[in-house]
């Protein structure tokens, strides 16, 4: 059996997986990163989600409602401390992705 070895293996090629791969590669240009997906990246949940990606970016947007939607969408299985961190980071990450040319 052939063995394939990488420094980091990321499962999932949605926005989160691809962003994680970029973050890993930013650590060092010598890191070997693999992204594994059962779908072609443009068919990932990130692209196919009903409303696209979400972040509290504009006046009237709510961190609390974004957090609630995330927790509810996880069938209440999400770690709420992680969701709080995620919701706080989402605006900066969405703006970064937009500057890179990613559609949302």
PDB file of N, CA and C in Angstrom:
ATOM      1  N   UNK A   1       0.842  -1.172   0.000  1.00  0.00           N
ATOM      2  CA  UNK A   1       0.000   0.000   0.000  1.00  0.00           C
ATOM      3  C   UNK A   1       0.895   1.245   0.000  1.00  0.00           C
ATOM      4  N   UNK A   2       0.556   2.194  -0.867  1.00  0.00           N
ATOM      5  CA  UNK A   2       1.291   3.451  -0.949  1.00  0.00           C
ATOM      6  C   UNK A   2       0.918   4.343   0.226  1.00  0.00           C
ATOM      7  N   UNK A   3       1.924   4.970   0.836  1.00  0.00           N
ATOM      8  CA  UNK A   3       1.700   5.923   1.923  1.00  0.00           C
ATOM      9  C   UNK A   3       1.983   7.313   1.414  1.00  0.00           C
ATOM     10  N   UNK A   4       1.080   8.214   1.710  1.00  0.00           N
ATOM     11  CA  UNK A   4       1.280   9.622   1.354  1.00  0.00           C
ATOM     12  C   UNK A   4       1.393  10.391   2.665  1.00  0.00           C
ATOM     13  N   UNK A   5       2.435  11.175   2.792  1.00  0.00           N
ATOM     14  CA  UNK A   5       2.701  11.870   4.050  1.00  0.00           C
ATOM     15  C   UNK A   5       2.699  13.383   3.809  1.00  0.00           C
ATOM     16  N   UNK A   6       2.005  14.114   4.702  1.00  0.00           N
ATOM     17  CA  UNK A   6       1.953  15.579   4.668  1.00  0.00           C
ATOM     18  C   UNK A   6       2.150  16.096   6.088  1.00  0.00           C
ATOM     19  N   UNK A   7       2.548  17.343   6.204  1.00  0.00           N
ATOM     20  CA  UNK A   7       2.662  17.961   7.522  1.00  0.00           C
ATOM     21  C   UNK A   7       1.286  18.273   8.111  1.00  0.00           C
ATOM     22  N   UNK A   8       0.348  18.642   7.248  1.00  0.00           N
ATOM     23  CA  UNK A   8      -1.022  18.952   7.682  1.00  0.00           C
ATOM     24  C   UNK A   8      -1.989  18.433   6.632  1.00  0.00           C
ATOM     25  N   UNK A   9      -3.062  17.812   7.098  1.00  0.00           N
ATOM     26  CA  UNK A   9      -4.127  17.352   6.210  1.00  0.00           C
ATOM     27  C   UNK A   9      -5.418  18.005   6.675  1.00  0.00           C
ATOM     28  N   UNK A  10      -6.060  18.720   5.766  1.00  0.00           N
ATOM     29  CA  UNK A  10      -7.309  19.408   6.087  1.00  0.00           C
ATOM     30  C   UNK A  10      -8.430  18.704   5.342  1.00  0.00           C
ATOM     31  N   UNK A  11      -9.446  18.307   6.093  1.00  0.00           N
ATOM     32  CA  UNK A  11     -10.583  17.607   5.505  1.00  0.00           C
ATOM     33  C   UNK A  11     -11.684  18.624   5.254  1.00  0.00           C
ATOM     34  N   UNK A  12     -12.028  18.792   3.986  1.00  0.00           N
ATOM     35  CA  UNK A  12     -13.064  19.735   3.592  1.00  0.00           C
ATOM     36  C   UNK A  12     -12.472  20.891   2.821  1.00  0.00           C
ATOM     37  N   UNK A  13     -13.071  21.185   1.673  1.00  0.00           N
ATOM     38  CA  UNK A  13     -12.551  22.243   0.807  1.00  0.00           C
ATOM     39  C   UNK A  13     -13.535  23.394   0.676  1.00  0.00           C
ATOM     40  N   UNK A  14     -14.339  23.592   1.703  1.00  0.00           N
ATOM     41  CA  UNK A  14     -15.180  24.787   1.738  1.00  0.00           C
ATOM     42  C   UNK A  14     -14.319  25.974   2.128  1.00  0.00           C
ATOM     43  N   UNK A  15     -14.949  27.086   2.386  1.00  0.00           N
ATOM     44  CA  UNK A  15     -14.194  28.288   2.750  1.00  0.00           C
ATOM     45  C   UNK A  15     -13.329  28.043   3.981  1.00  0.00           C
ATOM     46  N   UNK A  16     -13.878  27.373   5.000  1.00  0.00           N
ATOM     47  CA  UNK A  16     -13.111  27.140   6.223  1.00  0.00           C
ATOM     48  C   UNK A  16     -11.905  26.254   5.954  1.00  0.00           C
ATOM     49  N   UNK A  17     -12.082  25.184   5.190  1.00  0.00           N
ATOM     50  CA  UNK A  17     -10.972  24.295   4.888  1.00  0.00           C
ATOM     51  C   UNK A  17      -9.891  24.970   4.061  1.00  0.00           C
ATOM     52  N   UNK A  18     -10.306  25.688   3.023  1.00  0.00           N
ATOM     53  CA  UNK A  18      -9.326  26.370   2.180  1.00  0.00           C
ATOM     54  C   UNK A  18      -8.616  27.488   2.948  1.00  0.00           C
ATOM     55  N   UNK A  19      -9.359  28.184   3.805  1.00  0.00           N
ATOM     56  CA  UNK A  19      -8.740  29.243   4.621  1.00  0.00           C
ATOM     57  C   UNK A  19      -7.751  28.633   5.616  1.00  0.00           C
ATOM     58  N   UNK A  20      -8.084  27.469   6.170  1.00  0.00           N
ATOM     59  CA  UNK A  20      -7.166  26.776   7.079  1.00  0.00           C
ATOM     60  C   UNK A  20      -5.890  26.369   6.345  1.00  0.00           C
ATOM     61  N   UNK A  21      -6.023  25.916   5.113  1.00  0.00           N
ATOM     62  CA  UNK A  21      -4.848  25.541   4.319  1.00  0.00           C
ATOM     63  C   UNK A  21      -3.955  26.759   4.073  1.00  0.00           C
ATOM     64  N   UNK A  22      -4.563  27.896   3.770  1.00  0.00           N
ATOM     65  CA  UNK A  22      -3.789  29.124   3.563  1.00  0.00           C
ATOM     66  C   UNK A  22      -3.078  29.518   4.855  1.00  0.00           C
ATOM     67  N   UNK A  23      -3.796  29.447   5.981  1.00  0.00           N
ATOM     68  CA  UNK A  23      -3.192  29.806   7.269  1.00  0.00           C
ATOM     69  C   UNK A  23      -2.022  28.888   7.594  1.00  0.00           C
ATOM     70  N   UNK A  24      -2.166  27.599   7.329  1.00  0.00           N
ATOM     71  CA  UNK A  24      -1.065  26.661   7.571  1.00  0.00           C
ATOM     72  C   UNK A  24       0.130  26.998   6.693  1.00  0.00           C
ATOM     73  N   UNK A  25      -0.128  27.292   5.430  1.00  0.00           N
ATOM     74  CA  UNK A  25       0.956  27.628   4.502  1.00  0.00           C
ATOM     75  C   UNK A  25       1.631  28.939   4.873  1.00  0.00           C
ATOM     76  N   UNK A  26       0.887  29.848   5.505  1.00  0.00           N
ATOM     77  CA  UNK A  26       1.463  31.130   5.919  1.00  0.00           C
ATOM     78  C   UNK A  26       2.467  30.959   7.057  1.00  0.00           C
ATOM     79  N   UNK A  27       2.349  29.868   7.798  1.00  0.00           N
ATOM     80  CA  UNK A  27       3.277  29.608   8.897  1.00  0.00           C
ATOM     81  C   UNK A  27       4.694  29.419   8.358  1.00  0.00           C
ATOM     82  N   UNK A  28       4.799  28.696   7.247  1.00  0.00           N
ATOM     83  CA  UNK A  28       6.103  28.443   6.645  1.00  0.00           C
ATOM     84  C   UNK A  28       5.905  28.036   5.194  1.00  0.00           C
ATOM     85  N   UNK A  29       6.815  28.463   4.337  1.00  0.00           N
ATOM     86  CA  UNK A  29       6.706  28.041   2.950  1.00  0.00           C
ATOM     87  C   UNK A  29       7.236  26.624   2.755  1.00  0.00           C
ATOM     88  N   UNK A  30       7.669  25.989   3.846  1.00  0.00           N
ATOM     89  CA  UNK A  30       8.176  24.618   3.788  1.00  0.00           C
ATOM     90  C   UNK A  30       7.160  23.597   4.267  1.00  0.00           C
ATOM     91  N   UNK A  31       5.991  24.039   4.727  1.00  0.00           N
ATOM     92  CA  UNK A  31       4.977  23.109   5.221  1.00  0.00           C
ATOM     93  C   UNK A  31       4.255  22.478   4.029  1.00  0.00           C
ATOM     94  N   UNK A  32       4.011  21.181   4.132  1.00  0.00           N
ATOM     95  CA  UNK A  32       3.330  20.418   3.081  1.00  0.00           C
ATOM     96  C   UNK A  32       1.882  20.227   3.517  1.00  0.00           C
ATOM     97  N   UNK A  33       0.971  20.912   2.852  1.00  0.00           N
ATOM     98  CA  UNK A  33      -0.442  20.897   3.227  1.00  0.00           C
ATOM     99  C   UNK A  33      -1.258  20.170   2.160  1.00  0.00           C
ATOM    100  N   UNK A  34      -2.116  19.263   2.607  1.00  0.00           N
ATOM    101  CA  UNK A  34      -3.039  18.581   1.697  1.00  0.00           C
ATOM    102  C   UNK A  34      -4.462  18.946   2.089  1.00  0.00           C
ATOM    103  N   UNK A  35      -5.301  19.164   1.098  1.00  0.00           N
ATOM    104  CA  UNK A  35      -6.724  19.402   1.326  1.00  0.00           C
ATOM    105  C   UNK A  35      -7.476  18.243   0.681  1.00  0.00           C
ATOM    106  N   UNK A  36      -8.300  17.577   1.474  1.00  0.00           N
ATOM    107  CA  UNK A  36      -9.056  16.425   1.006  1.00  0.00           C
ATOM    108  C   UNK A  36     -10.536  16.778   1.014  1.00  0.00           C
ATOM    109  N   UNK A  37     -11.206  16.505  -0.082  1.00  0.00           N
ATOM    110  CA  UNK A  37     -12.626  16.826  -0.168  1.00  0.00           C
ATOM    111  C   UNK A  37     -13.346  15.761  -0.973  1.00  0.00           C
ATOM    112  N   UNK A  38     -14.574  15.457  -0.570  1.00  0.00           N
ATOM    113  CA  UNK A  38     -15.368  14.526  -1.365  1.00  0.00           C
ATOM    114  C   UNK A  38     -16.066  15.242  -2.511  1.00  0.00           C
ATOM    115  N   UNK A  39     -16.039  16.574  -2.477  1.00  0.00           N
ATOM    116  CA  UNK A  39     -16.683  17.383  -3.515  1.00  0.00           C
ATOM    117  C   UNK A  39     -15.675  18.296  -4.187  1.00  0.00           C
ATOM    118  N   UNK A  40     -15.987  18.694  -5.389  1.00  0.00           N
ATOM    119  CA  UNK A  40     -15.223  19.739  -6.056  1.00  0.00           C
ATOM    120  C   UNK A  40     -15.438  21.020  -5.239  1.00  0.00           C
ATOM    121  N   UNK A  41     -14.388  21.821  -4.974  1.00  0.00           N
ATOM    122  CA  UNK A  41     -14.531  22.974  -4.072  1.00  0.00           C
ATOM    123  C   UNK A  41     -15.711  23.906  -4.351  1.00  0.00           C
ATOM    124  N   UNK A  42     -16.060  24.153  -5.610  1.00  0.00           N
ATOM    125  CA  UNK A  42     -17.180  25.061  -5.860  1.00  0.00           C
ATOM    126  C   UNK A  42     -18.531  24.422  -5.555  1.00  0.00           C
ATOM    127  N   UNK A  43     -18.551  23.159  -5.166  1.00  0.00           N
ATOM    128  CA  UNK A  43     -19.789  22.497  -4.751  1.00  0.00           C
ATOM    129  C   UNK A  43     -19.860  22.354  -3.231  1.00  0.00           C
ATOM    130  N   UNK A  44     -18.915  22.963  -2.532  1.00  0.00           N
ATOM    131  CA  UNK A  44     -18.884  22.863  -1.073  1.00  0.00           C
ATOM    132  C   UNK A  44     -20.087  23.569  -0.458  1.00  0.00           C
ATOM    133  N   UNK A  45     -20.310  23.302   0.803  1.00  0.00           N
ATOM    134  CA  UNK A  45     -21.437  23.928   1.493  1.00  0.00           C
ATOM    135  C   UNK A  45     -21.283  25.447   1.530  1.00  0.00           C
ATOM    136  N   UNK A  46     -20.054  25.933   1.619  1.00  0.00           N
ATOM    137  CA  UNK A  46     -19.826  27.380   1.660  1.00  0.00           C
ATOM    138  C   UNK A  46     -20.426  28.069   0.448  1.00  0.00           C
ATOM    139  N   UNK A  47     -20.267  27.465  -0.706  1.00  0.00           N
ATOM    140  CA  UNK A  47     -20.770  28.055  -1.945  1.00  0.00           C
ATOM    141  C   UNK A  47     -22.263  27.794  -2.104  1.00  0.00           C
ATOM    142  N   UNK A  48     -22.699  26.629  -1.689  1.00  0.00           N
ATOM    143  CA  UNK A  48     -24.081  26.220  -1.919  1.00  0.00           C
ATOM    144  C   UNK A  48     -25.031  26.592  -0.783  1.00  0.00           C
ATOM    145  N   UNK A  49     -24.536  27.202   0.276  1.00  0.00           N
ATOM    146  CA  UNK A  49     -25.396  27.578   1.398  1.00  0.00           C
ATOM    147  C   UNK A  49     -26.484  28.537   0.914  1.00  0.00           C
ATOM    148  N   UNK A  50     -27.625  28.468   1.558  1.00  0.00           N
ATOM    149  CA  UNK A  50     -28.779  29.261   1.128  1.00  0.00           C
ATOM    150  C   UNK A  50     -28.464  30.735   1.012  1.00  0.00           C
ATOM    151  N   UNK A  51     -27.837  31.290   2.026  1.00  0.00           N
ATOM    152  CA  UNK A  51     -27.584  32.732   2.022  1.00  0.00           C
ATOM    153  C   UNK A  51     -26.132  33.087   1.826  1.00  0.00           C
ATOM    154  N   UNK A  52     -25.300  32.122   1.484  1.00  0.00           N
ATOM    155  CA  UNK A  52     -23.872  32.375   1.367  1.00  0.00           C
ATOM    156  C   UNK A  52     -23.231  32.435   2.742  1.00  0.00           C
ATOM    157  N   UNK A  53     -22.122  33.116   2.841  1.00  0.00           N
ATOM    158  CA  UNK A  53     -21.438  33.234   4.121  1.00  0.00           C
ATOM    159  C   UNK A  53     -22.110  34.333   4.948  1.00  0.00           C
ATOM    160  N   UNK A  54     -21.808  34.337   6.239  1.00  0.00           N
ATOM    161  CA  UNK A  54     -22.457  35.311   7.111  1.00  0.00           C
ATOM    162  C   UNK A  54     -21.430  35.957   8.032  1.00  0.00           C
ATOM    163  N   UNK A  55     -21.647  37.217   8.317  1.00  0.00           N
ATOM    164  CA  UNK A  55     -20.845  37.961   9.291  1.00  0.00           C
ATOM    165  C   UNK A  55     -21.597  39.244   9.611  1.00  0.00           C
ATOM    166  N   UNK A  56     -21.397  39.724  10.820  1.00  0.00           N
ATOM    167  CA  UNK A  56     -21.999  40.995  11.220  1.00  0.00           C
ATOM    168  C   UNK A  56     -21.110  42.115  10.685  1.00  0.00           C
ATOM    169  N   UNK A  57     -21.454  42.596   9.490  1.00  0.00           N
ATOM    170  CA  UNK A  57     -20.617  43.580   8.798  1.00  0.00           C
ATOM    171  C   UNK A  57     -21.223  44.974   8.748  1.00  0.00           C
ATOM    172  N   UNK A  58     -22.518  45.064   8.806  1.00  0.00           N
ATOM    173  CA  UNK A  58     -23.176  46.355   8.572  1.00  0.00           C
ATOM    174  C   UNK A  58     -24.018  46.779   9.770  1.00  0.00           C
ATOM    175  N   UNK A  59     -24.391  48.036   9.747  1.00  0.00           N
ATOM    176  CA  UNK A  59     -25.285  48.544  10.779  1.00  0.00           C
ATOM    177  C   UNK A  59     -26.568  47.707  10.755  1.00  0.00           C
ATOM    178  N   UNK A  60     -27.003  47.295  11.911  1.00  0.00           N
ATOM    179  CA  UNK A  60     -28.200  46.463  12.006  1.00  0.00           C
ATOM    180  C   UNK A  60     -27.887  44.973  12.069  1.00  0.00           C
ATOM    181  N   UNK A  61     -26.661  44.584  11.659  1.00  0.00           N
ATOM    182  CA  UNK A  61     -26.248  43.186  11.813  1.00  0.00           C
ATOM    183  C   UNK A  61     -25.992  42.928  13.296  1.00  0.00           C
ATOM    184  N   UNK A  62     -26.121  41.683  13.700  1.00  0.00           N
ATOM    185  CA  UNK A  62     -26.002  41.363  15.116  1.00  0.00           C
ATOM    186  C   UNK A  62     -25.084  40.163  15.331  1.00  0.00           C
ATOM    187  N   UNK A  63     -24.051  40.363  16.169  1.00  0.00           N
ATOM    188  CA  UNK A  63     -23.188  39.243  16.554  1.00  0.00           C
ATOM    189  C   UNK A  63     -24.014  38.171  17.271  1.00  0.00           C
ATOM    190  N   UNK A  64     -24.929  38.612  18.136  1.00  0.00           N
ATOM    191  CA  UNK A  64     -25.748  37.659  18.890  1.00  0.00           C
ATOM    192  C   UNK A  64     -26.631  36.823  17.968  1.00  0.00           C
ATOM    193  N   UNK A  65     -27.248  37.459  16.969  1.00  0.00           N
ATOM    194  CA  UNK A  65     -28.095  36.694  16.041  1.00  0.00           C
ATOM    195  C   UNK A  65     -27.262  35.766  15.162  1.00  0.00           C
ATOM    196  N   UNK A  66     -26.077  36.200  14.778  1.00  0.00           N
ATOM    197  CA  UNK A  66     -25.189  35.330  14.008  1.00  0.00           C
ATOM    198  C   UNK A  66     -24.788  34.123  14.860  1.00  0.00           C
ATOM    199  N   UNK A  67     -24.456  34.370  16.129  1.00  0.00           N
ATOM    200  CA  UNK A  67     -24.093  33.273  17.030  1.00  0.00           C
ATOM    201  C   UNK A  67     -25.281  32.325  17.225  1.00  0.00           C
ATOM    202  N   UNK A  68     -26.459  32.874  17.439  1.00  0.00           N
ATOM    203  CA  UNK A  68     -27.650  32.048  17.623  1.00  0.00           C
ATOM    204  C   UNK A  68     -27.916  31.197  16.386  1.00  0.00           C
ATOM    205  N   UNK A  69     -27.820  31.797  15.210  1.00  0.00           N
ATOM    206  CA  UNK A  69     -28.040  31.066  13.971  1.00  0.00           C
ATOM    207  C   UNK A  69     -27.025  29.937  13.807  1.00  0.00           C
ATOM    208  N   UNK A  70     -25.783  30.194  14.198  1.00  0.00           N
ATOM    209  CA  UNK A  70     -24.724  29.180  14.096  1.00  0.00           C
ATOM    210  C   UNK A  70     -24.993  28.026  15.057  1.00  0.00           C
ATOM    211  N   UNK A  71     -25.348  28.350  16.289  1.00  0.00           N
ATOM    212  CA  UNK A  71     -25.642  27.311  17.285  1.00  0.00           C
ATOM    213  C   UNK A  71     -26.870  26.508  16.866  1.00  0.00           C
ATOM    214  N   UNK A  72     -27.910  27.202  16.448  1.00  0.00           N
ATOM    215  CA  UNK A  72     -29.141  26.532  16.008  1.00  0.00           C
ATOM    216  C   UNK A  72     -28.866  25.650  14.791  1.00  0.00           C
ATOM    217  N   UNK A  73     -28.060  26.161  13.849  1.00  0.00           N
ATOM    218  CA  UNK A  73     -27.729  25.402  12.646  1.00  0.00           C
ATOM    219  C   UNK A  73     -26.919  24.148  12.939  1.00  0.00           C
ATOM    220  N   UNK A  74     -26.263  24.123  14.076  1.00  0.00           N
ATOM    221  CA  UNK A  74     -25.474  22.951  14.470  1.00  0.00           C
ATOM    222  C   UNK A  74     -26.312  21.958  15.284  1.00  0.00           C
ATOM    223  N   UNK A  75     -27.622  22.182  15.332  1.00  0.00           N
ATOM    224  CA  UNK A  75     -28.512  21.372  16.181  1.00  0.00           C
ATOM    225  C   UNK A  75     -28.067  21.418  17.640  1.00  0.00           C
ATOM    226  N   UNK A  76     -27.554  22.569  18.041  1.00  0.00           N
ATOM    227  CA  UNK A  76     -27.137  22.847  19.415  1.00  0.00           C
ATOM    228  C   UNK A  76     -25.955  21.988  19.866  1.00  0.00           C
ATOM    229  N   UNK A  77     -25.165  21.500  18.905  1.00  0.00           N
ATOM    230  CA  UNK A  77     -23.987  20.696  19.226  1.00  0.00           C
ATOM    231  C   UNK A  77     -22.700  21.517  19.210  1.00  0.00           C
ATOM    232  N   UNK A  78     -22.756  22.746  18.710  1.00  0.00           N
ATOM    233  CA  UNK A  78     -21.558  23.588  18.620  1.00  0.00           C
ATOM    234  C   UNK A  78     -21.101  24.024  20.008  1.00  0.00           C
ATOM    235  N   UNK A  79     -19.811  24.105  20.185  1.00  0.00           N
ATOM    236  CA  UNK A  79     -19.230  24.650  21.412  1.00  0.00           C
ATOM    237  C   UNK A  79     -19.474  26.155  21.380  1.00  0.00           C
ATOM    238  N   UNK A  80     -20.228  26.665  22.331  1.00  0.00           N
ATOM    239  CA  UNK A  80     -20.647  28.060  22.267  1.00  0.00           C
ATOM    240  C   UNK A  80     -19.497  29.043  22.456  1.00  0.00           C
ATOM    241  N   UNK A  81     -18.442  28.646  23.175  1.00  0.00           N
ATOM    242  CA  UNK A  81     -17.258  29.514  23.269  1.00  0.00           C
ATOM    243  C   UNK A  81     -16.579  29.630  21.908  1.00  0.00           C
ATOM    244  N   UNK A  82     -16.530  28.525  21.174  1.00  0.00           N
ATOM    245  CA  UNK A  82     -15.938  28.541  19.834  1.00  0.00           C
ATOM    246  C   UNK A  82     -16.802  29.384  18.902  1.00  0.00           C
ATOM    247  N   UNK A  83     -18.124  29.245  19.009  1.00  0.00           N
ATOM    248  CA  UNK A  83     -19.031  30.039  18.173  1.00  0.00           C
ATOM    249  C   UNK A  83     -18.829  31.523  18.453  1.00  0.00           C
ATOM    250  N   UNK A  84     -18.700  31.898  19.712  1.00  0.00           N
ATOM    251  CA  UNK A  84     -18.485  33.308  20.063  1.00  0.00           C
ATOM    252  C   UNK A  84     -17.190  33.828  19.435  1.00  0.00           C
ATOM    253  N   UNK A  85     -16.123  33.036  19.497  1.00  0.00           N
ATOM    254  CA  UNK A  85     -14.857  33.423  18.874  1.00  0.00           C
ATOM    255  C   UNK A  85     -15.024  33.538  17.360  1.00  0.00           C
ATOM    256  N   UNK A  86     -15.664  32.537  16.756  1.00  0.00           N
ATOM    257  CA  UNK A  86     -15.898  32.494  15.315  1.00  0.00           C
ATOM    258  C   UNK A  86     -16.659  33.728  14.842  1.00  0.00           C
ATOM    259  N   UNK A  87     -17.738  34.055  15.523  1.00  0.00           N
ATOM    260  CA  UNK A  87     -18.571  35.201  15.147  1.00  0.00           C
ATOM    261  C   UNK A  87     -17.775  36.503  15.261  1.00  0.00           C
ATOM    262  N   UNK A  88     -16.918  36.591  16.265  1.00  0.00           N
ATOM    263  CA  UNK A  88     -16.089  37.785  16.419  1.00  0.00           C
ATOM    264  C   UNK A  88     -15.051  37.935  15.315  1.00  0.00           C
ATOM    265  N   UNK A  89     -14.540  36.804  14.807  1.00  0.00           N
ATOM    266  CA  UNK A  89     -13.519  36.821  13.755  1.00  0.00           C
ATOM    267  C   UNK A  89     -14.108  36.911  12.351  1.00  0.00           C
ATOM    268  N   UNK A  90     -15.368  36.533  12.189  1.00  0.00           N
ATOM    269  CA  UNK A  90     -15.988  36.430  10.866  1.00  0.00           C
ATOM    270  C   UNK A  90     -15.898  37.706  10.030  1.00  0.00           C
ATOM    271  N   UNK A  91     -16.195  38.886  10.572  1.00  0.00           N
ATOM    272  CA  UNK A  91     -16.128  40.082   9.720  1.00  0.00           C
ATOM    273  C   UNK A  91     -14.752  40.294   9.091  1.00  0.00           C
ATOM    274  N   UNK A  92     -13.696  40.163   9.889  1.00  0.00           N
ATOM    275  CA  UNK A  92     -12.334  40.352   9.377  1.00  0.00           C
ATOM    276  C   UNK A  92     -12.016  39.316   8.298  1.00  0.00           C
ATOM    277  N   UNK A  93     -12.410  38.073   8.532  1.00  0.00           N
ATOM    278  CA  UNK A  93     -12.119  37.006   7.566  1.00  0.00           C
ATOM    279  C   UNK A  93     -12.905  37.196   6.264  1.00  0.00           C
ATOM    280  N   UNK A  94     -14.153  37.602   6.365  1.00  0.00           N
ATOM    281  CA  UNK A  94     -14.968  37.824   5.161  1.00  0.00           C
ATOM    282  C   UNK A  94     -14.370  38.959   4.324  1.00  0.00           C
ATOM    283  N   UNK A  95     -13.933  40.018   4.988  1.00  0.00           N
ATOM    284  CA  UNK A  95     -13.317  41.134   4.265  1.00  0.00           C
ATOM    285  C   UNK A  95     -12.015  40.671   3.605  1.00  0.00           C
ATOM    286  N   UNK A  96     -11.220  39.878   4.310  1.00  0.00           N
ATOM    287  CA  UNK A  96      -9.990  39.336   3.720  1.00  0.00           C
ATOM    288  C   UNK A  96     -10.312  38.508   2.475  1.00  0.00           C
ATOM    289  N   UNK A  97     -11.276  37.599   2.592  1.00  0.00           N
ATOM    290  CA  UNK A  97     -11.654  36.757   1.458  1.00  0.00           C
ATOM    291  C   UNK A  97     -12.155  37.603   0.284  1.00  0.00           C
ATOM    292  N   UNK A  98     -12.924  38.640   0.590  1.00  0.00           N
ATOM    293  CA  UNK A  98     -13.425  39.512  -0.466  1.00  0.00           C
ATOM    294  C   UNK A  98     -12.259  40.224  -1.170  1.00  0.00           C
ATOM    295  N   UNK A  99     -11.282  40.671  -0.399  1.00  0.00           N
ATOM    296  CA  UNK A  99     -10.113  41.334  -1.002  1.00  0.00           C
ATOM    297  C   UNK A  99      -9.308  40.372  -1.861  1.00  0.00           C
ATOM    298  N   UNK A 100      -9.355  39.097  -1.546  1.00  0.00           N
ATOM    299  CA  UNK A 100      -8.678  38.072  -2.347  1.00  0.00           C
ATOM    300  C   UNK A 100      -9.465  37.711  -3.607  1.00  0.00           C
ATOM    301  N   UNK A 101     -10.702  38.213  -3.696  1.00  0.00           N
ATOM    302  CA  UNK A 101     -11.496  37.952  -4.889  1.00  0.00           C
ATOM    303  C   UNK A 101     -12.495  36.821  -4.765  1.00  0.00           C
ATOM    304  N   UNK A 102     -12.707  36.320  -3.551  1.00  0.00           N
ATOM    305  CA  UNK A 102     -13.681  35.237  -3.352  1.00  0.00           C
ATOM    306  C   UNK A 102     -15.100  35.795  -3.410  1.00  0.00           C
ATOM    307  N   UNK A 103     -15.941  35.101  -4.134  1.00  0.00           N
ATOM    308  CA  UNK A 103     -17.361  35.495  -4.169  1.00  0.00           C
ATOM    309  C   UNK A 103     -18.012  35.051  -2.866  1.00  0.00           C
ATOM    310  N   UNK A 104     -19.017  35.812  -2.418  1.00  0.00           N
ATOM    311  CA  UNK A 104     -19.727  35.385  -1.205  1.00  0.00           C
ATOM    312  C   UNK A 104     -21.198  35.477  -1.393  1.00  0.00           C
TER     313      UNK A 104
END
